[in-house]
Amino acid sequence: FLQDVITSVTPHPAPKRHLFTTASADLKLKTWDARQGQLVAEHSGHVGTVLDSCVGKSALGWGLDEGEREGDKGGSVVMSAGDDGGVLVWRV
């Protein structure tokens, strides 16, 4: 039961306002599409409850695979802080 607890809900800024990311006690972040009501991505890596998250712009070219352009991924990242003392960053 406690693993289902959502600890934060973070909306994404324009132009991705239809997305939001939840942090929870199940050690994961989940990014959702509010328009479709569907899970878009699941981010794992913490070994303790995920306490909070935020969304920001990535540095130019950060996290892009070879051959990708900045516009291909929108240049956004989700960052999380966990009870394990870790701060993790994912590209969205």
Protein backbone atom coordinates (compact mmCIF):
# COMPACT_ATOMS: atom_id res chain seq x y z
CA PHE A 1 0.00 0.00 0.00
CA LEU A 2 2.68 2.53 0.93
CA GLN A 3 4.55 1.89 -2.30
CA ASP A 4 1.58 3.40 -4.18
CA VAL A 5 1.93 6.79 -2.43
CA ILE A 6 2.53 9.66 -4.86
CA THR A 7 4.90 12.18 -3.31
CA SER A 8 4.77 14.90 -5.99
CA VAL A 9 3.11 15.87 -9.26
CA THR A 10 5.08 18.11 -11.62
CA PRO A 11 3.51 19.75 -14.70
CA HIS A 12 5.65 20.28 -17.78
CA PRO A 13 5.99 23.78 -19.30
CA ALA A 14 4.89 24.80 -22.81
CA PRO A 15 4.91 23.38 -25.39
CA LYS A 16 4.46 20.09 -23.49
CA ARG A 17 1.77 21.26 -21.06
CA HIS A 18 -0.18 18.07 -21.65
CA LEU A 19 2.54 16.11 -19.79
CA PHE A 20 3.05 15.75 -16.05
CA THR A 21 5.44 13.63 -14.00
CA THR A 22 4.66 11.86 -10.74
CA ALA A 23 7.19 10.81 -8.11
CA SER A 24 6.31 8.03 -5.69
CA ALA A 25 7.27 5.64 -2.95
CA ASP A 26 7.57 2.82 -5.52
CA LEU A 27 11.06 4.23 -6.34
CA LYS A 28 9.97 5.50 -9.79
CA LEU A 29 9.06 8.62 -11.69
CA LYS A 30 6.29 8.29 -14.25
CA THR A 31 5.53 10.75 -17.03
CA TRP A 32 1.91 10.86 -18.16
CA ASP A 33 0.03 12.35 -21.10
CA ALA A 34 -3.11 14.04 -19.70
CA ARG A 35 -4.73 14.25 -23.14
CA GLN A 36 -4.50 10.52 -23.75
CA GLY A 37 -4.61 9.35 -20.13
CA GLN A 38 -1.59 7.16 -20.82
CA LEU A 39 1.79 6.49 -19.28
CA VAL A 40 4.48 7.93 -21.59
CA ALA A 41 7.65 6.96 -19.74
CA GLU A 42 8.81 5.29 -16.54
CA HIS A 43 12.08 6.39 -14.98
CA SER A 44 13.85 4.05 -12.53
CA GLY A 45 17.10 4.30 -10.64
CA HIS A 46 16.40 5.37 -7.06
CA VAL A 47 16.78 2.88 -4.20
CA GLY A 48 14.63 4.96 -1.84
CA THR A 49 11.33 6.81 -2.09
CA VAL A 50 11.36 9.53 -4.76
CA LEU A 51 10.56 12.70 -2.82
CA ASP A 52 10.26 15.35 -5.51
CA SER A 53 10.83 16.16 -9.15
CA CYS A 54 11.18 19.16 -11.45
CA VAL A 55 11.27 19.73 -15.18
CA GLY A 56 13.75 21.94 -17.00
CA LYS A 57 15.48 22.61 -20.27
CA SER A 58 18.57 20.57 -21.01
CA ALA A 59 21.87 22.10 -22.00
CA LEU A 60 22.26 22.30 -25.75
CA GLY A 61 22.95 18.79 -27.01
CA TRP A 62 22.97 17.15 -23.56
CA GLY A 63 21.89 13.53 -23.66
CA LEU A 64 21.33 13.43 -27.41
CA ASP A 65 22.32 10.30 -29.27
CA GLU A 66 24.57 10.59 -32.31
CA GLY A 67 22.62 11.94 -35.26
CA GLU A 68 19.81 13.45 -33.15
CA ARG A 69 19.04 17.15 -33.25
CA GLU A 70 17.96 19.26 -30.27
CA GLY A 71 14.43 19.65 -31.66
CA ASP A 72 13.97 15.86 -31.95
CA LYS A 73 13.57 15.45 -28.19
CA GLY A 74 12.41 18.91 -27.22
CA GLY A 75 15.40 19.57 -25.00
CA SER A 76 13.56 18.78 -21.74
CA VAL A 77 14.76 16.86 -18.71
CA VAL A 78 13.10 15.56 -15.56
CA MET A 79 15.18 15.69 -12.38
CA SER A 80 14.38 13.81 -9.21
CA ALA A 81 15.49 13.81 -5.59
CA GLY A 82 15.22 10.60 -3.61
CA ASP A 83 15.25 9.55 0.02
CA ASP A 84 18.39 7.63 -0.94
CA GLY A 85 20.26 10.96 -1.27
CA GLY A 86 20.42 10.65 -5.05
CA VAL A 87 19.55 13.22 -7.68
CA LEU A 88 18.86 11.69 -11.09
CA VAL A 89 18.22 13.31 -14.48
CA TRP A 90 16.29 11.88 -17.45
CA ARG A 91 15.64 13.23 -20.92
CA VAL A 92 11.93 13.44 -21.81
